[in-house]
Amino acid sequence: MTIPTTTTRTYPRRRLRSAGAVLFGFVAVVVLSLGTDQMLHVLRVYPPWGQPMYDPRLSLLALSYRILDTIFGSYLTAKYAPDAPMRHAMALGVVGLIVGGAGAIATIPMHLGPAWYPIALVLTALPCAWLGGALYRVRQAER
């Protein structure tokens, strides 16, 4: 005699939530970064879109808010991860590393600004992701 059992398949749902948490963090980083870019273009702090940004101070400004955006996006990823928040935050960091690396390869030869800027984006992806995950962990410990 066979006893019927009911199995709930939570694994696919958990995977979907994991991917959603990483995607949510990535979209947050992109939207915040491009939104700030647009605001600075409108305010004429940055030159018009498509023109090179040779002033290294402007690149440093862009790097600074992208670092903050990445930390925040990683924090969000950790917050909405179904489990292992730091692992999810670091997964976002790996995505940033890959996307940033591809961007550096594509843009450095175009001479849109100082070459150190896209390289710095690549180098800061994982530390910022770790910091976002660590901030989430600290916040959770305070509760």
Protein backbone atom coordinates (compact mmCIF):
# COMPACT_ATOMS: atom_id res chain seq x y z
CA MET A 1 0.00 0.00 0.00
CA THR A 2 1.29 3.43 -0.92
CA ILE A 3 0.70 6.33 1.36
CA PRO A 4 0.10 9.56 -0.55
CA THR A 5 2.28 12.42 0.53
CA THR A 6 2.05 16.06 -0.19
CA THR A 7 5.30 17.72 -1.09
CA THR A 8 5.68 21.41 -1.20
CA ARG A 9 8.34 22.44 -3.63
CA THR A 10 9.81 25.50 -2.02
CA TYR A 11 13.18 25.17 -3.76
CA PRO A 12 12.10 26.81 -7.07
CA ARG A 13 10.33 29.56 -5.15
CA ARG A 14 13.42 30.17 -3.03
CA ARG A 15 15.60 30.34 -6.15
CA LEU A 16 13.21 32.82 -7.71
CA ARG A 17 13.29 34.95 -4.57
CA SER A 18 17.10 34.80 -4.54
CA ALA A 19 17.32 35.92 -8.15
CA GLY A 20 14.70 38.60 -7.46
CA ALA A 21 16.68 39.97 -4.50
CA VAL A 22 19.84 40.26 -6.60
CA LEU A 23 17.92 41.75 -9.53
CA PHE A 24 16.20 44.23 -7.22
CA GLY A 25 19.55 45.38 -5.82
CA PHE A 26 21.03 45.67 -9.32
CA VAL A 27 18.09 47.72 -10.60
CA ALA A 28 18.31 49.97 -7.54
CA VAL A 29 22.00 50.65 -8.23
CA VAL A 30 21.37 51.37 -11.93
CA VAL A 31 18.35 53.61 -11.33
CA LEU A 32 20.03 55.59 -8.56
CA SER A 33 23.28 56.00 -10.52
CA LEU A 34 21.64 57.00 -13.79
CA GLY A 35 19.17 59.24 -11.98
CA THR A 36 22.00 61.08 -10.26
CA ASP A 37 23.88 61.27 -13.56
CA GLN A 38 20.85 62.81 -15.25
CA MET A 39 20.35 65.32 -12.45
CA LEU A 40 23.99 66.40 -12.68
CA HIS A 41 23.72 66.74 -16.46
CA VAL A 42 20.57 68.86 -16.14
CA LEU A 43 22.28 71.05 -13.53
CA ARG A 44 25.21 71.35 -15.94
CA VAL A 45 27.68 69.98 -13.44
CA TYR A 46 28.47 67.32 -16.05
CA PRO A 47 28.96 68.02 -19.74
CA PRO A 48 26.11 66.97 -22.07
CA TRP A 49 25.55 63.24 -22.58
CA GLY A 50 27.99 61.71 -25.03
CA GLN A 51 30.72 64.29 -24.48
CA PRO A 52 33.90 63.25 -22.67
CA MET A 53 34.25 64.08 -19.00
CA TYR A 54 37.94 64.92 -18.72
CA ASP A 55 37.87 66.65 -15.36
CA PRO A 56 39.00 63.98 -12.86
CA ARG A 57 37.07 65.73 -10.09
CA LEU A 58 33.83 64.95 -11.93
CA SER A 59 34.86 61.32 -12.27
CA LEU A 60 35.65 61.24 -8.57
CA LEU A 61 32.20 62.67 -7.85
CA ALA A 62 30.60 59.97 -10.03
CA LEU A 63 32.65 57.27 -8.33
CA SER A 64 31.65 58.51 -4.88
CA TYR A 65 27.90 58.28 -5.45
CA ARG A 66 28.23 55.02 -7.34
CA ILE A 67 30.01 53.57 -4.31
CA LEU A 68 27.14 54.71 -2.08
CA ASP A 69 24.55 53.39 -4.58
CA THR A 70 26.29 50.01 -4.69
CA ILE A 71 26.42 49.76 -0.90
CA PHE A 72 22.72 50.62 -0.74
CA GLY A 73 21.81 48.16 -3.51
CA SER A 74 23.75 45.42 -1.73
CA TYR A 75 21.99 46.27 1.51
CA LEU A 76 18.63 45.91 -0.27
CA THR A 77 19.72 42.62 -1.80
CA ALA A 78 20.67 41.29 1.63
CA LYS A 79 17.42 42.53 3.13
CA TYR A 80 15.20 40.82 0.57
CA ALA A 81 17.25 37.62 0.26
CA PRO A 82 15.30 34.55 1.41
CA ASP A 83 18.36 33.30 3.32
CA ALA A 84 22.13 33.89 3.50
CA PRO A 85 21.96 37.68 3.09
CA MET A 86 25.72 38.17 2.79
CA ARG A 87 25.96 35.55 0.04
CA HIS A 88 23.26 37.38 -1.91
CA ALA A 89 24.95 40.75 -1.41
CA MET A 90 28.21 39.25 -2.68
CA ALA A 91 26.36 37.75 -5.65
CA LEU A 92 25.33 41.29 -6.53
CA GLY A 93 28.99 42.28 -6.15
CA VAL A 94 29.98 39.59 -8.66
CA VAL A 95 27.33 40.86 -11.08
CA GLY A 96 28.75 44.37 -10.62
CA LEU A 97 32.26 43.07 -11.18
CA ILE A 98 31.25 41.39 -14.45
CA VAL A 99 29.15 44.30 -15.72
CA GLY A 100 31.80 46.81 -14.64
CA GLY A 101 34.54 44.79 -16.30
CA ALA A 102 32.60 44.64 -19.55
CA GLY A 103 31.95 48.37 -19.27
CA ALA A 104 35.62 49.10 -18.67
CA ILE A 105 36.65 47.02 -21.67
CA ALA A 106 34.10 48.83 -23.83
CA THR A 107 34.65 52.39 -22.64
CA ILE A 108 38.37 52.78 -21.97
CA PRO A 109 39.21 52.74 -25.71
CA MET A 110 36.48 55.35 -26.30
CA HIS A 111 38.36 57.94 -24.17
CA LEU A 112 35.20 59.25 -22.48
CA GLY A 113 37.15 60.26 -19.41
CA PRO A 114 40.05 59.12 -17.27
CA ALA A 115 40.82 55.40 -17.64
CA TRP A 116 41.07 54.98 -13.87
CA TYR A 117 37.34 55.61 -13.44
CA PRO A 118 35.94 52.41 -14.99
CA ILE A 119 38.79 50.45 -13.42
CA ALA A 120 37.85 51.89 -10.02
CA LEU A 121 34.24 50.80 -10.57
CA VAL A 122 35.44 47.23 -11.12
CA LEU A 123 37.75 47.31 -8.10
CA THR A 124 35.10 48.68 -5.74
CA ALA A 125 32.28 46.29 -6.73
CA LEU A 126 33.07 43.48 -4.28
CA PRO A 127 34.13 45.65 -1.30
CA CYS A 128 30.97 47.74 -1.64
CA ALA A 129 28.81 44.63 -1.89
CA TRP A 130 30.45 43.23 1.23
CA LEU A 131 29.91 46.50 3.07
CA GLY A 132 26.23 46.58 2.10
CA GLY A 133 25.78 43.02 3.36
CA ALA A 134 27.71 43.79 6.55
CA LEU A 135 25.59 46.87 7.23
CA TYR A 136 22.47 44.76 6.86
CA ARG A 137 23.92 42.17 9.27
CA VAL A 138 24.74 44.89 11.84
CA ARG A 139 21.26 46.35 11.49
CA GLN A 140 19.71 42.92 12.03
CA ALA A 141 21.85 42.33 15.14
CA GLU A 142 20.56 45.60 16.62
CA ARG A 143 16.96 44.41 16.46
